[in-house]
Protein backbone atom coordinates (compact mmCIF):
# COMPACT_ATOMS: atom_id res chain seq x y z
CA MET A 1 0.04 -0.02 -0.06
CA THR A 2 1.02 3.55 -0.74
CA GLN A 3 0.15 7.05 0.68
CA ALA A 4 -1.45 7.74 -2.65
CA PHE A 5 -3.87 4.62 -2.13
CA PHE A 6 -4.97 5.73 1.20
CA ASP A 7 -5.35 9.45 -0.15
CA LEU A 8 -7.71 8.06 -2.91
CA LEU A 9 -9.88 6.28 -0.31
CA ARG A 10 -10.18 9.45 1.52
CA LEU A 11 -11.00 11.50 -1.52
CA LEU A 12 -13.78 9.12 -2.45
CA ASP A 13 -15.32 9.46 1.00
CA LEU A 14 -17.31 12.67 0.06
CA LYS A 15 -18.85 15.03 2.64
CA GLU A 16 -22.50 15.83 2.29
CA VAL A 17 -22.61 19.59 2.88
CA GLU A 18 -26.46 19.93 2.04
CA PRO A 19 -29.16 17.38 1.07
CA ASP A 20 -28.13 15.80 -2.29
CA VAL A 21 -24.99 18.03 -2.42
CA PHE A 22 -21.47 16.68 -1.78
CA GLN A 23 -17.98 18.24 -1.52
CA GLY A 24 -14.84 16.62 -2.87
CA THR A 25 -11.16 17.63 -2.99
CA SER A 26 -8.03 16.71 -5.00
CA PRO A 27 -4.71 15.59 -3.80
CA GLN A 28 -1.99 18.13 -3.58
CA VAL A 29 0.63 16.58 -5.88
CA GLY A 30 1.39 19.47 -8.20
CA LEU A 31 -0.85 18.67 -10.91
CA VAL A 32 -2.15 21.76 -12.96
CA ARG A 33 -5.76 20.38 -13.33
CA VAL A 34 -7.66 17.78 -11.57
CA PHE A 35 -7.38 14.27 -13.01
CA GLY A 36 -10.46 13.54 -14.97
CA GLY A 37 -10.84 9.87 -13.51
CA LEU A 38 -11.16 11.33 -10.02
CA VAL A 39 -14.07 13.76 -11.15
CA VAL A 40 -15.79 10.83 -12.59
CA SER A 41 -15.31 8.66 -9.58
CA GLN A 42 -16.48 11.31 -7.18
CA ALA A 43 -19.42 12.23 -9.12
CA LEU A 44 -20.42 8.57 -9.32
CA VAL A 45 -19.99 8.31 -5.55
CA ALA A 46 -22.27 11.38 -5.07
CA SER A 47 -24.85 10.10 -7.26
CA SER A 48 -24.81 6.57 -5.69
CA ARG A 49 -25.44 7.82 -2.25
CA THR A 50 -28.81 9.22 -3.32
CA VAL A 51 -29.88 5.80 -4.46
CA THR A 52 -31.17 2.86 -2.56
CA GLY A 53 -31.57 -0.84 -3.90
CA LYS A 54 -29.98 -0.15 -7.22
CA SER A 55 -26.50 -0.23 -8.64
CA PRO A 56 -25.09 1.87 -11.53
CA HIS A 57 -25.04 0.08 -14.91
CA SER A 58 -23.93 2.96 -17.11
CA LEU A 59 -22.75 6.58 -16.83
CA HIS A 60 -22.13 9.42 -19.51
CA CYS A 61 -20.05 12.33 -18.55
CA TYR A 62 -18.81 15.82 -20.27
CA PHE A 63 -15.65 17.62 -19.04
CA LEU A 64 -16.51 21.18 -19.62
CA LEU A 65 -13.70 23.06 -18.00
CA PRO A 66 -10.46 21.96 -16.48
CA GLY A 67 -10.73 21.74 -12.67
CA ASP A 68 -8.49 23.54 -10.18
CA PRO A 69 -6.81 20.97 -7.87
CA LYS A 70 -6.40 23.72 -5.17
CA LEU A 71 -10.21 24.41 -4.97
CA PRO A 72 -12.88 21.87 -3.58
CA ILE A 73 -15.46 20.64 -5.95
CA ARG A 74 -19.06 20.85 -5.31
CA TYR A 75 -21.26 17.96 -6.64
CA GLU A 76 -25.01 18.72 -6.95
CA VAL A 77 -27.14 15.51 -7.52
CA GLU A 78 -30.48 15.88 -9.24
CA ARG A 79 -32.95 12.89 -8.69
CA LEU A 80 -34.38 12.64 -12.17
CA ARG A 81 -36.36 9.38 -11.74
CA ASP A 82 -36.94 6.51 -9.27
CA GLY A 83 -38.67 3.68 -11.02
CA THR A 84 -39.36 0.06 -9.86
CA SER A 85 -36.50 -1.35 -11.87
CA PHE A 86 -34.37 1.66 -12.81
CA GLY A 87 -33.42 5.05 -11.45
CA THR A 88 -31.63 8.00 -12.93
CA ARG A 89 -29.36 10.74 -11.53
CA ARG A 90 -27.81 13.87 -12.90
CA CYS A 91 -24.66 15.17 -11.07
CA VAL A 92 -23.17 18.59 -11.89
CA ALA A 93 -19.56 19.48 -10.58
CA LYS A 94 -18.91 23.04 -9.89
CA GLN A 95 -15.87 25.35 -8.81
CA ASN A 96 -16.41 28.99 -8.08
CA GLY A 97 -19.92 28.71 -9.21
CA ARG A 98 -18.79 27.51 -12.72
CA THR A 99 -19.88 24.15 -13.99
CA ILE A 100 -16.71 22.10 -14.95
CA PHE A 101 -18.35 18.57 -15.24
CA ILE A 102 -21.69 16.91 -15.96
CA LEU A 103 -22.53 13.10 -15.24
CA SER A 104 -25.82 11.41 -15.95
CA ALA A 105 -26.10 7.85 -14.42
CA SER A 106 -28.55 5.08 -14.68
CA PHE A 107 -29.24 2.58 -11.89
CA GLN A 108 -30.88 -0.75 -11.93
CA ILE A 109 -32.01 -3.44 -9.40
CA GLN A 110 -30.22 -6.81 -9.69
CA GLU A 111 -31.89 -8.99 -12.40
CA VAL A 112 -31.14 -12.38 -14.00
CA GLY A 113 -31.07 -12.53 -17.97
CA LEU A 114 -29.25 -13.71 -20.87
CA ASP A 115 -25.56 -13.81 -20.60
CA PHE A 116 -22.82 -13.41 -23.30
CA ALA A 117 -19.44 -11.63 -23.55
CA PRO A 118 -16.57 -11.76 -25.89
CA GLN A 119 -13.30 -13.69 -24.66
CA MET A 120 -10.44 -11.85 -23.02
CA PRO A 121 -7.39 -11.40 -25.44
CA ARG A 122 -4.70 -13.84 -24.81
CA VAL A 123 -1.93 -11.94 -23.21
CA ALA A 124 0.99 -12.17 -20.88
CA MET A 125 -0.35 -12.34 -17.13
CA PRO A 126 0.61 -9.55 -14.79
CA GLU A 127 2.74 -11.72 -12.66
CA ASP A 128 5.10 -12.23 -15.76
CA LEU A 129 5.21 -8.62 -16.62
CA PRO A 130 7.40 -5.80 -15.12
CA GLY A 131 6.19 -2.92 -13.03
CA LEU A 132 6.66 0.77 -13.91
CA ASP A 133 9.59 1.03 -11.69
CA THR A 134 11.37 -1.81 -13.56
CA ILE A 135 10.47 -0.42 -16.88
CA ARG A 136 11.89 3.01 -15.75
CA GLN A 137 15.19 1.51 -14.64
CA SER A 138 15.46 -0.75 -17.73
CA LEU A 139 14.96 1.92 -20.36
CA GLY A 140 17.14 4.36 -18.37
CA ALA A 141 18.30 7.38 -20.67
CA ALA A 142 16.01 6.27 -23.51
CA LEU A 143 13.02 7.57 -21.74
CA PRO A 144 11.54 10.80 -22.81
CA ASP A 145 11.40 13.27 -19.96
CA GLY A 146 7.55 13.38 -20.11
CA VAL A 147 7.45 9.51 -19.86
CA ARG A 148 10.03 9.37 -16.98
CA ARG A 149 7.83 11.85 -14.87
CA TYR A 150 4.79 9.93 -15.55
CA LEU A 151 6.57 6.63 -14.29
CA GLU A 152 7.96 8.22 -11.27
CA ARG A 153 4.64 9.60 -10.04
CA ASP A 154 3.30 7.96 -7.02
CA ARG A 155 -0.24 6.65 -7.74
CA PRO A 156 -3.01 4.67 -6.06
CA ILE A 157 -3.24 2.15 -9.00
CA GLU A 158 -0.57 -0.35 -9.98
CA LEU A 159 -0.07 -0.70 -13.67
CA ARG A 160 1.66 -3.41 -15.79
CA PRO A 161 1.83 -2.63 -19.32
CA VAL A 162 1.62 -5.70 -21.64
CA ASP A 163 3.98 -4.01 -23.99
CA SER A 164 6.50 -1.84 -22.16
CA LEU A 165 7.97 -0.57 -25.33
CA ARG A 166 4.89 1.75 -25.45
CA PHE A 167 7.07 4.02 -23.09
CA SER A 168 10.06 4.11 -25.50
CA PRO A 169 10.53 6.92 -27.97
CA PRO A 170 8.13 6.46 -30.90
CA ARG A 171 9.48 4.63 -33.93
CA PRO A 172 7.69 5.74 -37.23
CA ASP A 173 9.13 2.47 -38.95
CA ALA A 174 7.38 0.29 -36.38
CA PRO A 175 4.50 -1.82 -37.46
CA GLN A 176 1.16 0.11 -37.06
CA ARG A 177 -0.84 -0.79 -34.07
CA THR A 178 -4.44 0.39 -32.97
CA GLY A 179 -4.23 -0.26 -29.39
CA GLN A 180 -2.43 -0.98 -26.13
CA ARG A 181 -3.04 -3.42 -23.11
CA ILE A 182 -2.45 -2.74 -19.56
CA TRP A 183 -3.08 -4.75 -16.32
CA LEU A 184 -4.16 -2.56 -13.47
CA ARG A 185 -5.55 -2.87 -9.76
CA ALA A 186 -5.67 -0.77 -6.74
CA LYS A 187 -2.51 -0.78 -4.65
CA GLY A 188 -4.07 -2.08 -1.57
CA GLN A 189 -6.93 -4.18 -0.34
CA LEU A 190 -10.39 -2.67 -0.49
CA PRO A 191 -13.38 -3.36 1.94
CA ASP A 192 -16.15 -5.56 0.50
CA ASP A 193 -18.17 -2.50 -0.81
CA PRO A 194 -19.22 -2.98 -4.29
CA ALA A 195 -19.84 0.80 -4.65
CA LEU A 196 -16.21 1.65 -3.67
CA HIS A 197 -14.93 -0.87 -6.27
CA ARG A 198 -17.04 0.63 -8.95
CA ALA A 199 -15.67 4.17 -7.95
CA ILE A 200 -12.08 2.83 -8.15
CA LEU A 201 -12.72 1.30 -11.46
CA ALA A 202 -14.24 4.68 -12.84
CA TYR A 203 -10.91 6.37 -11.48
CA MET A 204 -8.73 3.95 -13.32
CA SER A 205 -10.78 3.97 -16.45
CA ASP A 206 -9.37 7.29 -17.45
CA MET A 207 -5.80 5.92 -17.32
CA ALA A 208 -3.96 5.80 -20.71
CA LEU A 209 -7.12 5.35 -22.75
CA LEU A 210 -6.81 8.73 -24.60
CA ASP A 211 -3.11 8.02 -25.21
CA THR A 212 -4.25 5.11 -27.32
CA ALA A 213 -5.55 7.47 -29.87
CA ALA A 214 -1.98 8.41 -30.67
CA VAL A 215 -0.89 4.84 -30.97
CA PRO A 216 -1.66 4.29 -34.60
CA HIS A 217 0.25 7.44 -35.44
CA HIS A 218 3.47 6.29 -33.74
CA ARG A 219 3.07 9.15 -31.19
CA SER A 220 2.52 9.51 -27.50
CA VAL A 221 0.69 12.00 -25.31
CA PHE A 222 3.99 12.13 -23.37
CA ASP A 223 6.18 13.50 -26.23
CA GLY A 224 5.20 17.02 -25.69
CA SER A 225 3.92 17.61 -29.23
CA LEU A 226 0.30 17.16 -28.43
CA GLN A 227 -2.34 18.94 -26.67
CA VAL A 228 -4.62 16.47 -25.12
CA ALA A 229 -7.69 16.71 -22.87
CA SER A 230 -10.73 14.51 -22.14
CA LEU A 231 -14.06 15.90 -23.68
CA ASP A 232 -16.38 12.91 -22.69
CA HIS A 233 -16.41 9.66 -20.97
CA ALA A 234 -18.80 6.58 -20.73
CA ILE A 235 -18.82 3.52 -18.71
CA TRP A 236 -21.09 0.32 -18.69
CA PHE A 237 -20.76 -2.04 -15.82
CA HIS A 238 -21.35 -5.57 -16.86
CA ARG A 239 -20.51 -8.05 -14.05
CA HIS A 240 -19.12 -8.19 -10.50
CA PHE A 241 -15.48 -7.55 -10.00
CA ARG A 242 -12.90 -6.47 -7.46
CA ALA A 243 -10.75 -3.43 -8.02
CA ASP A 244 -8.05 -4.67 -5.98
CA GLU A 245 -7.49 -7.66 -8.07
CA TRP A 246 -5.82 -7.68 -11.56
CA LEU A 247 -8.05 -6.20 -14.31
CA LEU A 248 -7.02 -6.27 -18.08
CA TYR A 249 -7.63 -2.86 -19.85
CA ASP A 250 -7.77 -3.67 -23.50
CA GLU A 251 -7.67 -0.30 -25.21
CA GLU A 252 -8.35 0.34 -28.75
CA ALA A 253 -8.34 3.51 -30.98
CA LEU A 254 -11.41 3.81 -33.09
CA SER A 255 -10.92 7.06 -34.97
CA THR A 256 -8.94 10.15 -34.93
CA GLN A 257 -10.09 13.09 -36.99
CA GLY A 258 -10.78 16.89 -36.38
CA ALA A 259 -8.24 17.23 -33.47
CA ARG A 260 -10.25 14.45 -31.68
CA GLY A 261 -9.71 10.93 -30.93
CA LEU A 262 -12.20 8.19 -29.86
CA CYS A 263 -11.15 5.28 -27.93
CA ARG A 264 -12.75 2.14 -26.56
CA GLY A 265 -11.63 0.21 -23.52
CA SER A 266 -12.67 -3.30 -22.32
CA LEU A 267 -11.92 -4.28 -18.74
CA PHE A 268 -11.66 -7.88 -18.02
CA SER A 269 -11.17 -9.78 -14.65
CA TYR A 270 -8.23 -11.92 -14.07
CA ASP A 271 -10.12 -15.09 -14.85
CA GLY A 272 -11.37 -13.70 -18.16
CA HIS A 273 -14.81 -12.12 -17.67
CA LEU A 274 -15.71 -8.73 -19.28
CA VAL A 275 -16.61 -6.58 -16.38
CA ALA A 276 -16.99 -3.12 -17.98
CA THR A 277 -16.62 -1.28 -21.32
CA VAL A 278 -15.54 2.43 -21.57
CA LEU A 279 -15.72 4.80 -24.44
CA GLN A 280 -13.92 8.17 -24.33
CA GLU A 281 -13.31 10.96 -26.91
CA GLY A 282 -10.80 13.65 -26.32
CA LEU A 283 -8.95 16.49 -27.89
CA ILE A 284 -5.74 15.43 -29.35
CA ARG A 285 -4.48 18.61 -31.23
CA GLN A 286 -0.94 18.92 -32.58
CA LYS A 287 0.96 21.87 -31.07
CA ALA A 288 2.47 24.59 -33.41
CA PRO A 289 6.06 23.85 -33.81
């Protein structure tokens, strides 16, 4: 366990300041804007605390303005519908009276029905792959500065890329690829609270997904030549999982055009079950020379 892990648990324990209004904060780690995955997870926590007897099965978000990590975030939840089987919530995140983020989430009672999902890709298992510290040490001086800073950052999520060469300097002559795969899990044991595990998955779902849009172009969001920012984000929860056990994040670029990139991520449990699907579109603009 790391301090970042305990900080994340604290950050997800939102304070209710008024009925259906919650307050969240960000870690003070020197970031210039709030990590998008944190806002998604906190908004999901706020919305879930206004629902009884149902669990979220999907959420859709828009990032409107970059959040300031130095300021608290106010999450205002609107109860749109409470039906027998489904419920709907809308959560607006604000700073200084300005809306920075909007989430809509749908909740459902537990039901039994048809069951199908694609198989997990055949990849190396996490115990056979190096961690980020090992990758950083092995690549040494070959690492671009942006990648090195990313690998050195203390984070609450453990990552093991299936292809560690993704962090090496891009090679235009390399075979074209359209995606990347990463094993991830929380860096400590979590309590048996499904709502917390879903919040942690929402947090980690924003990790490296937009970077996948640069993969087909032999580029990286870490090389300093691209301006990137999340625009919208959607998650569908399918099956039970634990966020403190290994999950394979199979990420694929679907389209890049108009200074935007659309990516899809499929999250599989260690034993191969599809547990969630993620879609994200983001700004991926080339900076002027």
